[in-house]
Amino acid sequence: QATLFIPTAAEIRPLGRVEPAIVPAAELAVIMHPGSPAD
């Protein structure tokens, strides 16, 4: 499963494949990747 999302200030109405969602809270280790996704 893959989910692509864009944060919004309020919940949106569904349209086509686009659905409202809640991206859950999380504790994350984060690294920055510069440049092309090839690497």
All heavy atoms as atom14 arrays in JSON, in Angstrom:
{
  "sequence": "QATLFIPTAAEIRPLGRVEPAIVPAAELAVIMHPGSPAD",
  "atom14_mask": [
    [1, 1, 1, 1, 1, 1, 1, 1, 1, 0, 0, 0, 0, 0],
    [1, 1, 1, 1, 1, 0, 0, 0, 0, 0, 0, 0, 0, 0],
    [1, 1, 1, 1, 1, 1, 1, 0, 0, 0, 0, 0, 0, 0],
    [1, 1, 1, 1, 1, 1, 1, 1, 0, 0, 0, 0, 0, 0],
    [1, 1, 1, 1, 1, 1, 1, 1, 1, 1, 1, 0, 0, 0],
    [1, 1, 1, 1, 1, 1, 1, 1, 0, 0, 0, 0, 0, 0],
    [1, 1, 1, 1, 1, 1, 1, 0, 0, 0, 0, 0, 0, 0],
    [1, 1, 1, 1, 1, 1, 1, 0, 0, 0, 0, 0, 0, 0],
    [1, 1, 1, 1, 1, 0, 0, 0, 0, 0, 0, 0, 0, 0],
    [1, 1, 1, 1, 1, 0, 0, 0, 0, 0, 0, 0, 0, 0],
    [1, 1, 1, 1, 1, 1, 1, 1, 1, 0, 0, 0, 0, 0],
    [1, 1, 1, 1, 1, 1, 1, 1, 0, 0, 0, 0, 0, 0],
    [1, 1, 1, 1, 1, 1, 1, 1, 1, 1, 1, 0, 0, 0],
    [1, 1, 1, 1, 1, 1, 1, 0, 0, 0, 0, 0, 0, 0],
    [1, 1, 1, 1, 1, 1, 1, 1, 0, 0, 0, 0, 0, 0],
    [1, 1, 1, 1, 0, 0, 0, 0, 0, 0, 0, 0, 0, 0],
    [1, 1, 1, 1, 1, 1, 1, 1, 1, 1, 1, 0, 0, 0],
    [1, 1, 1, 1, 1, 1, 1, 0, 0, 0, 0, 0, 0, 0],
    [1, 1, 1, 1, 1, 1, 1, 1, 1, 0, 0, 0, 0, 0],
    [1, 1, 1, 1, 1, 1, 1, 0, 0, 0, 0, 0, 0, 0],
    [1, 1, 1, 1, 1, 0, 0, 0, 0, 0, 0, 0, 0, 0],
    [1, 1, 1, 1, 1, 1, 1, 1, 0, 0, 0, 0, 0, 0],
    [1, 1, 1, 1, 1, 1, 1, 0, 0, 0, 0, 0, 0, 0],
    [1, 1, 1, 1, 1, 1, 1, 0, 0, 0, 0, 0, 0, 0],
    [1, 1, 1, 1, 1, 0, 0, 0, 0, 0, 0, 0, 0, 0],
    [1, 1, 1, 1, 1, 0, 0, 0, 0, 0, 0, 0, 0, 0],
    [1, 1, 1, 1, 1, 1, 1, 1, 1, 0, 0, 0, 0, 0],
    [1, 1, 1, 1, 1, 1, 1, 1, 0, 0, 0, 0, 0, 0],
    [1, 1, 1, 1, 1, 0, 0, 0, 0, 0, 0, 0, 0, 0],
    [1, 1, 1, 1, 1, 1, 1, 0, 0, 0, 0, 0, 0, 0],
    [1, 1, 1, 1, 1, 1, 1, 1, 0, 0, 0, 0, 0, 0],
    [1, 1, 1, 1, 1, 1, 1, 1, 0, 0, 0, 0, 0, 0],
    [1, 1, 1, 1, 1, 1, 1, 1, 1, 1, 0, 0, 0, 0],
    [1, 1, 1, 1, 1, 1, 1, 0, 0, 0, 0, 0, 0, 0],
    [1, 1, 1, 1, 0, 0, 0, 0, 0, 0, 0, 0, 0, 0],
    [1, 1, 1, 1, 1, 1, 0, 0, 0, 0, 0, 0, 0, 0],
    [1, 1, 1, 1, 1, 1, 1, 0, 0, 0, 0, 0, 0, 0],
    [1, 1, 1, 1, 1, 0, 0, 0, 0, 0, 0, 0, 0, 0],
    [1, 1, 1, 1, 1, 1, 1, 1, 0, 0, 0, 0, 0, 0]
  ],
  "atom14_positions": [
    [[0.83, -1.21, 0.0], [0.0, 0.0, 0.0], [0.87, 1.26, 0.0], [1.87, 1.35, 0.69], [-0.91, 0.02, 1.22], [-1.95, 1.14, 1.18], [-2.9, 1.08, 2.36], [-2.62, 1.63, 3.43], [-4.02, 0.42, 2.16], [0.0, 0.0, 0.0], [0.0, 0.0, 0.0], [0.0, 0.0, 0.0], [0.0, 0.0, 0.0], [0.0, 0.0, 0.0]],
    [[0.43, 2.22, -0.8], [1.09, 3.53, -0.84], [0.01, 4.61, -0.73], [-1.08, 4.47, -1.29], [1.88, 3.7, -2.13], [0.0, 0.0, 0.0], [0.0, 0.0, 0.0], [0.0, 0.0, 0.0], [0.0, 0.0, 0.0], [0.0, 0.0, 0.0], [0.0, 0.0, 0.0], [0.0, 0.0, 0.0], [0.0, 0.0, 0.0], [0.0, 0.0, 0.0]],
    [[0.34, 5.66, -0.02], [-0.56, 6.81, 0.11], [0.22, 8.08, -0.19], [1.3, 8.3, 0.37], [-1.16, 6.91, 1.52], [-1.95, 5.76, 1.78], [-2.02, 8.16, 1.68], [0.0, 0.0, 0.0], [0.0, 0.0, 0.0], [0.0, 0.0, 0.0], [0.0, 0.0, 0.0], [0.0, 0.0, 0.0], [0.0, 0.0, 0.0], [0.0, 0.0, 0.0]],
    [[-0.31, 8.89, -1.07], [0.25, 10.21, -1.34], [-0.72, 11.23, -0.78], [-1.93, 11.12, -1.0], [0.44, 10.41, -2.85], [1.36, 11.55, -3.29], [2.78, 11.33, -2.78], [1.36, 11.67, -4.8], [0.0, 0.0, 0.0], [0.0, 0.0, 0.0], [0.0, 0.0, 0.0], [0.0, 0.0, 0.0], [0.0, 0.0, 0.0], [0.0, 0.0, 0.0]],
    [[-0.22, 12.23, -0.06], [-1.11, 13.18, 0.6], [-0.58, 14.59, 0.52], [0.62, 14.83, 0.37], [-1.33, 12.78, 2.07], [-0.09, 12.81, 2.91], [0.35, 13.98, 3.51], [0.65, 11.66, 3.11], [1.5, 14.02, 4.29], [1.81, 11.67, 3.89], [2.23, 12.86, 4.48], [0.0, 0.0, 0.0], [0.0, 0.0, 0.0], [0.0, 0.0, 0.0]],
    [[-1.52, 15.55, 0.63], [-1.19, 16.96, 0.76], [-1.96, 17.49, 1.97], [-3.19, 17.4, 2.01], [-1.57, 17.77, -0.49], [-0.76, 17.29, -1.7], [-1.33, 19.26, -0.27], [-1.11, 18.01, -3.0], [0.0, 0.0, 0.0], [0.0, 0.0, 0.0], [0.0, 0.0, 0.0], [0.0, 0.0, 0.0], [0.0, 0.0, 0.0], [0.0, 0.0, 0.0]],
    [[-1.27, 18.03, 2.98], [-1.96, 18.55, 4.17], [-2.93, 19.68, 3.81], [-2.64, 20.51, 2.92], [-0.82, 19.07, 5.05], [0.38, 18.3, 4.6], [0.2, 18.1, 3.13], [0.0, 0.0, 0.0], [0.0, 0.0, 0.0], [0.0, 0.0, 0.0], [0.0, 0.0, 0.0], [0.0, 0.0, 0.0], [0.0, 0.0, 0.0], [0.0, 0.0, 0.0]],
    [[-4.06, 19.71, 4.48], [-5.06, 20.76, 4.28], [-5.49, 21.31, 5.64], [-5.39, 20.61, 6.66], [-6.29, 20.23, 3.53], [-6.83, 19.11, 4.26], [-5.93, 19.78, 2.13], [0.0, 0.0, 0.0], [0.0, 0.0, 0.0], [0.0, 0.0, 0.0], [0.0, 0.0, 0.0], [0.0, 0.0, 0.0], [0.0, 0.0, 0.0], [0.0, 0.0, 0.0]],
    [[-5.97, 22.54, 5.64], [-6.39, 23.16, 6.9], [-7.65, 22.53, 7.46], [-7.89, 22.55, 8.67], [-6.59, 24.66, 6.69], [0.0, 0.0, 0.0], [0.0, 0.0, 0.0], [0.0, 0.0, 0.0], [0.0, 0.0, 0.0], [0.0, 0.0, 0.0], [0.0, 0.0, 0.0], [0.0, 0.0, 0.0], [0.0, 0.0, 0.0], [0.0, 0.0, 0.0]],
    [[-8.5, 21.99, 6.59], [-9.76, 21.37, 7.02], [-10.02, 20.15, 6.16], [-9.43, 19.97, 5.1], [-10.91, 22.37, 6.9], [0.0, 0.0, 0.0], [0.0, 0.0, 0.0], [0.0, 0.0, 0.0], [0.0, 0.0, 0.0], [0.0, 0.0, 0.0], [0.0, 0.0, 0.0], [0.0, 0.0, 0.0], [0.0, 0.0, 0.0], [0.0, 0.0, 0.0]],
    [[-10.94, 19.31, 6.62], [-11.25, 18.1, 5.86], [-11.92, 18.45, 4.54], [-12.78, 19.33, 4.47], [-12.18, 17.21, 6.69], [-12.49, 15.87, 6.03], [-13.3, 14.96, 6.93], [-12.88, 14.76, 8.1], [-14.35, 14.47, 6.49], [0.0, 0.0, 0.0], [0.0, 0.0, 0.0], [0.0, 0.0, 0.0], [0.0, 0.0, 0.0], [0.0, 0.0, 0.0]],
    [[-11.53, 17.77, 3.48], [-12.09, 18.02, 2.15], [-13.16, 17.0, 1.83], [-13.27, 15.95, 2.47], [-10.99, 17.98, 1.06], [-10.44, 16.55, 0.95], [-9.88, 18.96, 1.36], [-9.73, 16.27, -0.35], [0.0, 0.0, 0.0], [0.0, 0.0, 0.0], [0.0, 0.0, 0.0], [0.0, 0.0, 0.0], [0.0, 0.0, 0.0], [0.0, 0.0, 0.0]],
    [[-13.96, 17.29, 0.81], [-14.94, 16.33, 0.32], [-14.28, 15.4, -0.69], [-13.42, 15.83, -1.45], [-16.13, 17.04, -0.34], [-16.93, 17.92, 0.59], [-18.23, 18.4, -0.06], [-18.0, 18.98, -1.37], [-17.63, 20.23, -1.59], [-17.43, 21.05, -0.56], [-17.46, 20.7, -2.82], [0.0, 0.0, 0.0], [0.0, 0.0, 0.0], [0.0, 0.0, 0.0]],
    [[-14.68, 14.13, -0.74], [-14.1, 13.19, -1.71], [-14.4, 13.62, -3.14], [-15.46, 14.18, -3.43], [-14.8, 11.85, -1.39], [-15.35, 12.02, -0.02], [-15.68, 13.47, 0.13], [0.0, 0.0, 0.0], [0.0, 0.0, 0.0], [0.0, 0.0, 0.0], [0.0, 0.0, 0.0], [0.0, 0.0, 0.0], [0.0, 0.0, 0.0], [0.0, 0.0, 0.0]],
    [[-13.47, 13.36, -4.04], [-13.66, 13.61, -5.45], [-12.73, 12.7, -6.24], [-11.5, 12.8, -6.12], [-13.37, 15.08, -5.81], [-13.52, 15.44, -7.29], [-14.97, 15.28, -7.75], [-13.05, 16.87, -7.56], [0.0, 0.0, 0.0], [0.0, 0.0, 0.0], [0.0, 0.0, 0.0], [0.0, 0.0, 0.0], [0.0, 0.0, 0.0], [0.0, 0.0, 0.0]],
    [[-13.31, 11.8, -7.05], [-12.49, 10.86, -7.8], [-11.7, 9.97, -6.86], [-12.24, 9.4, -5.9], [0.0, 0.0, 0.0], [0.0, 0.0, 0.0], [0.0, 0.0, 0.0], [0.0, 0.0, 0.0], [0.0, 0.0, 0.0], [0.0, 0.0, 0.0], [0.0, 0.0, 0.0], [0.0, 0.0, 0.0], [0.0, 0.0, 0.0], [0.0, 0.0, 0.0]],
    [[-10.39, 9.89, -7.09], [-9.54, 9.08, -6.2], [-9.15, 9.83, -4.93], [-8.62, 9.23, -3.99], [-8.27, 8.66, -6.94], [-8.48, 7.71, -8.1], [-7.13, 7.16, -8.6], [-6.26, 8.23, -9.08], [-4.96, 8.05, -9.35], [-4.39, 6.86, -9.15], [-4.21, 9.06, -9.8], [0.0, 0.0, 0.0], [0.0, 0.0, 0.0], [0.0, 0.0, 0.0]],
    [[-9.4, 11.13, -4.91], [-8.97, 11.95, -3.78], [-9.95, 11.81, -2.62], [-11.16, 12.01, -2.78], [-8.84, 13.43, -4.19], [-8.4, 14.27, -2.98], [-7.84, 13.57, -5.33], [0.0, 0.0, 0.0], [0.0, 0.0, 0.0], [0.0, 0.0, 0.0], [0.0, 0.0, 0.0], [0.0, 0.0, 0.0], [0.0, 0.0, 0.0], [0.0, 0.0, 0.0]],
    [[-9.44, 11.44, -1.45], [-10.26, 11.23, -0.25], [-9.7, 12.05, 0.91], [-8.5, 12.34, 0.94], [-10.24, 9.75, 0.15], [-10.8, 8.78, -0.89], [-12.32, 8.74, -0.85], [-12.89, 9.28, 0.11], [-12.91, 8.15, -1.78], [0.0, 0.0, 0.0], [0.0, 0.0, 0.0], [0.0, 0.0, 0.0], [0.0, 0.0, 0.0], [0.0, 0.0, 0.0]],
    [[-10.56, 12.44, 1.85], [-10.04, 13.06, 3.07], [-9.28, 12.01, 3.89], [-9.63, 10.83, 3.88], [-11.3, 13.54, 3.79], [-12.38, 12.63, 3.3], [-12.03, 12.3, 1.87], [0.0, 0.0, 0.0], [0.0, 0.0, 0.0], [0.0, 0.0, 0.0], [0.0, 0.0, 0.0], [0.0, 0.0, 0.0], [0.0, 0.0, 0.0], [0.0, 0.0, 0.0]],
    [[-8.25, 12.43, 4.59], [-7.46, 11.49, 5.38], [-6.86, 12.2, 6.59], [-6.74, 13.43, 6.6], [-6.34, 10.88, 4.53], [0.0, 0.0, 0.0], [0.0, 0.0, 0.0], [0.0, 0.0, 0.0], [0.0, 0.0, 0.0], [0.0, 0.0, 0.0], [0.0, 0.0, 0.0], [0.0, 0.0, 0.0], [0.0, 0.0, 0.0], [0.0, 0.0, 0.0]],
    [[-6.52, 11.4, 7.57], [-5.75, 11.89, 8.71], [-4.41, 11.17, 8.69], [-4.33, 9.95, 8.82], [-6.46, 11.61, 10.05], [-7.83, 12.3, 10.09], [-5.59, 12.08, 11.22], [-7.78, 13.81, 10.07], [0.0, 0.0, 0.0], [0.0, 0.0, 0.0], [0.0, 0.0, 0.0], [0.0, 0.0, 0.0], [0.0, 0.0, 0.0], [0.0, 0.0, 0.0]],
    [[-3.36, 11.95, 8.47], [-2.01, 11.38, 8.56], [-1.67, 11.29, 10.04], [-1.65, 12.31, 10.73], [-1.0, 12.26, 7.81], [0.4, 11.62, 7.87], [-1.43, 12.47, 6.37], [0.0, 0.0, 0.0], [0.0, 0.0, 0.0], [0.0, 0.0, 0.0], [0.0, 0.0, 0.0], [0.0, 0.0, 0.0], [0.0, 0.0, 0.0], [0.0, 0.0, 0.0]],
    [[-1.43, 10.09, 10.54], [-1.31, 9.94, 12.0], [-0.07, 10.62, 12.58], [0.93, 10.82, 11.89], [-1.25, 8.42, 12.19], [-0.77, 7.88, 10.89], [-1.32, 8.81, 9.84], [0.0, 0.0, 0.0], [0.0, 0.0, 0.0], [0.0, 0.0, 0.0], [0.0, 0.0, 0.0], [0.0, 0.0, 0.0], [0.0, 0.0, 0.0], [0.0, 0.0, 0.0]],
    [[-0.18, 10.96, 13.84], [0.98, 11.5, 14.56], [2.06, 10.42, 14.61], [1.78, 9.22, 14.58], [0.58, 11.91, 15.97], [0.0, 0.0, 0.0], [0.0, 0.0, 0.0], [0.0, 0.0, 0.0], [0.0, 0.0, 0.0], [0.0, 0.0, 0.0], [0.0, 0.0, 0.0], [0.0, 0.0, 0.0], [0.0, 0.0, 0.0], [0.0, 0.0, 0.0]],
    [[3.31, 10.86, 14.69], [4.41, 9.89, 14.71], [5.66, 10.52, 15.26], [5.85, 11.74, 15.2], [4.67, 9.35, 13.31], [0.0, 0.0, 0.0], [0.0, 0.0, 0.0], [0.0, 0.0, 0.0], [0.0, 0.0, 0.0], [0.0, 0.0, 0.0], [0.0, 0.0, 0.0], [0.0, 0.0, 0.0], [0.0, 0.0, 0.0], [0.0, 0.0, 0.0]],
    [[6.51, 9.67, 15.81], [7.87, 10.05, 16.17], [8.77, 9.5, 15.07], [8.71, 8.31, 14.73], [8.25, 9.43, 17.52], [9.61, 9.84, 18.03], [9.57, 11.09, 18.89], [8.46, 11.57, 19.19], [10.65, 11.57, 19.27], [0.0, 0.0, 0.0], [0.0, 0.0, 0.0], [0.0, 0.0, 0.0], [0.0, 0.0, 0.0], [0.0, 0.0, 0.0]],
    [[9.6, 10.36, 14.48], [10.33, 9.99, 13.28], [11.8, 10.31, 13.38], [12.19, 11.32, 13.96], [9.75, 10.75, 12.07], [8.25, 10.58, 11.79], [7.8, 11.61, 10.77], [7.93, 9.17, 11.3], [0.0, 0.0, 0.0], [0.0, 0.0, 0.0], [0.0, 0.0, 0.0], [0.0, 0.0, 0.0], [0.0, 0.0, 0.0], [0.0, 0.0, 0.0]],
    [[12.61, 9.43, 12.81], [14.0, 9.75, 12.52], [14.02, 10.23, 11.08], [13.47, 9.6, 10.19], [14.89, 8.53, 12.69], [0.0, 0.0, 0.0], [0.0, 0.0, 0.0], [0.0, 0.0, 0.0], [0.0, 0.0, 0.0], [0.0, 0.0, 0.0], [0.0, 0.0, 0.0], [0.0, 0.0, 0.0], [0.0, 0.0, 0.0], [0.0, 0.0, 0.0]],
    [[14.67, 11.38, 10.84], [14.54, 12.07, 9.55], [15.91, 12.32, 8.95], [16.84, 12.77, 9.63], [13.81, 13.42, 9.73], [13.63, 14.12, 8.38], [12.46, 13.21, 10.42], [0.0, 0.0, 0.0], [0.0, 0.0, 0.0], [0.0, 0.0, 0.0], [0.0, 0.0, 0.0], [0.0, 0.0, 0.0], [0.0, 0.0, 0.0], [0.0, 0.0, 0.0]],
    [[16.01, 12.04, 7.64], [17.21, 12.37, 6.89], [16.8, 13.12, 5.63], [15.75, 12.81, 5.05], [18.04, 11.1, 6.56], [19.44, 11.48, 6.06], [17.32, 10.22, 5.56], [20.38, 10.28, 5.96], [0.0, 0.0, 0.0], [0.0, 0.0, 0.0], [0.0, 0.0, 0.0], [0.0, 0.0, 0.0], [0.0, 0.0, 0.0], [0.0, 0.0, 0.0]],
    [[17.59, 14.08, 5.22], [17.3, 14.87, 4.02], [18.07, 14.29, 2.84], [19.28, 14.06, 2.92], [17.7, 16.32, 4.23], [17.53, 17.19, 2.98], [15.79, 17.54, 2.63], [15.48, 18.74, 3.94], [0.0, 0.0, 0.0], [0.0, 0.0, 0.0], [0.0, 0.0, 0.0], [0.0, 0.0, 0.0], [0.0, 0.0, 0.0], [0.0, 0.0, 0.0]],
    [[17.34, 14.06, 1.73], [17.98, 13.61, 0.51], [17.93, 14.73, -0.52], [16.84, 15.13, -0.95], [17.29, 12.37, -0.06], [17.77, 12.01, -1.44], [19.01, 11.46, -1.67], [17.19, 12.15, -2.66], [19.17, 11.27, -2.96], [18.09, 11.68, -3.59], [0.0, 0.0, 0.0], [0.0, 0.0, 0.0], [0.0, 0.0, 0.0], [0.0, 0.0, 0.0]],
    [[19.09, 15.23, -0.96], [19.09, 16.25, -2.01], [19.16, 15.62, -3.39], [19.84, 14.61, -3.59], [20.38, 17.03, -1.71], [21.3, 16.01, -1.12], [20.43, 15.02, -0.4], [0.0, 0.0, 0.0], [0.0, 0.0, 0.0], [0.0, 0.0, 0.0], [0.0, 0.0, 0.0], [0.0, 0.0, 0.0], [0.0, 0.0, 0.0], [0.0, 0.0, 0.0]],
    [[18.45, 16.22, -4.34], [18.6, 15.8, -5.72], [17.62, 14.75, -6.17], [16.56, 14.53, -5.58], [0.0, 0.0, 0.0], [0.0, 0.0, 0.0], [0.0, 0.0, 0.0], [0.0, 0.0, 0.0], [0.0, 0.0, 0.0], [0.0, 0.0, 0.0], [0.0, 0.0, 0.0], [0.0, 0.0, 0.0], [0.0, 0.0, 0.0], [0.0, 0.0, 0.0]],
    [[17.98, 14.08, -7.26], [17.12, 13.12, -7.94], [16.77, 11.93, -7.05], [17.6, 11.49, -6.24], [17.82, 12.61, -9.2], [17.2, 11.45, -9.7], [0.0, 0.0, 0.0], [0.0, 0.0, 0.0], [0.0, 0.0, 0.0], [0.0, 0.0, 0.0], [0.0, 0.0, 0.0], [0.0, 0.0, 0.0], [0.0, 0.0, 0.0], [0.0, 0.0, 0.0]],
    [[15.58, 11.36, -7.21], [15.22, 10.15, -6.46], [16.01, 8.93, -6.89], [15.89, 7.88, -6.26], [13.72, 9.99, -6.75], [13.46, 10.75, -8.0], [14.43, 11.89, -7.99], [0.0, 0.0, 0.0], [0.0, 0.0, 0.0], [0.0, 0.0, 0.0], [0.0, 0.0, 0.0], [0.0, 0.0, 0.0], [0.0, 0.0, 0.0], [0.0, 0.0, 0.0]],
    [[16.82, 9.03, -7.94], [17.6, 7.89, -8.4], [18.53, 7.38, -7.3], [18.83, 6.18, -7.24], [18.4, 8.26, -9.64], [0.0, 0.0, 0.0], [0.0, 0.0, 0.0], [0.0, 0.0, 0.0], [0.0, 0.0, 0.0], [0.0, 0.0, 0.0], [0.0, 0.0, 0.0], [0.0, 0.0, 0.0], [0.0, 0.0, 0.0], [0.0, 0.0, 0.0]],
    [[19.02, 8.28, -6.43], [19.93, 7.89, -5.35], [19.23, 7.82, -4.0], [19.89, 7.82, -2.96], [21.08, 8.9, -5.26], [22.02, 8.81, -6.44], [22.15, 7.7, -6.99], [22.6, 9.83, -6.82], [0.0, 0.0, 0.0], [0.0, 0.0, 0.0], [0.0, 0.0, 0.0], [0.0, 0.0, 0.0], [0.0, 0.0, 0.0], [0.0, 0.0, 0.0]]
  ]
}
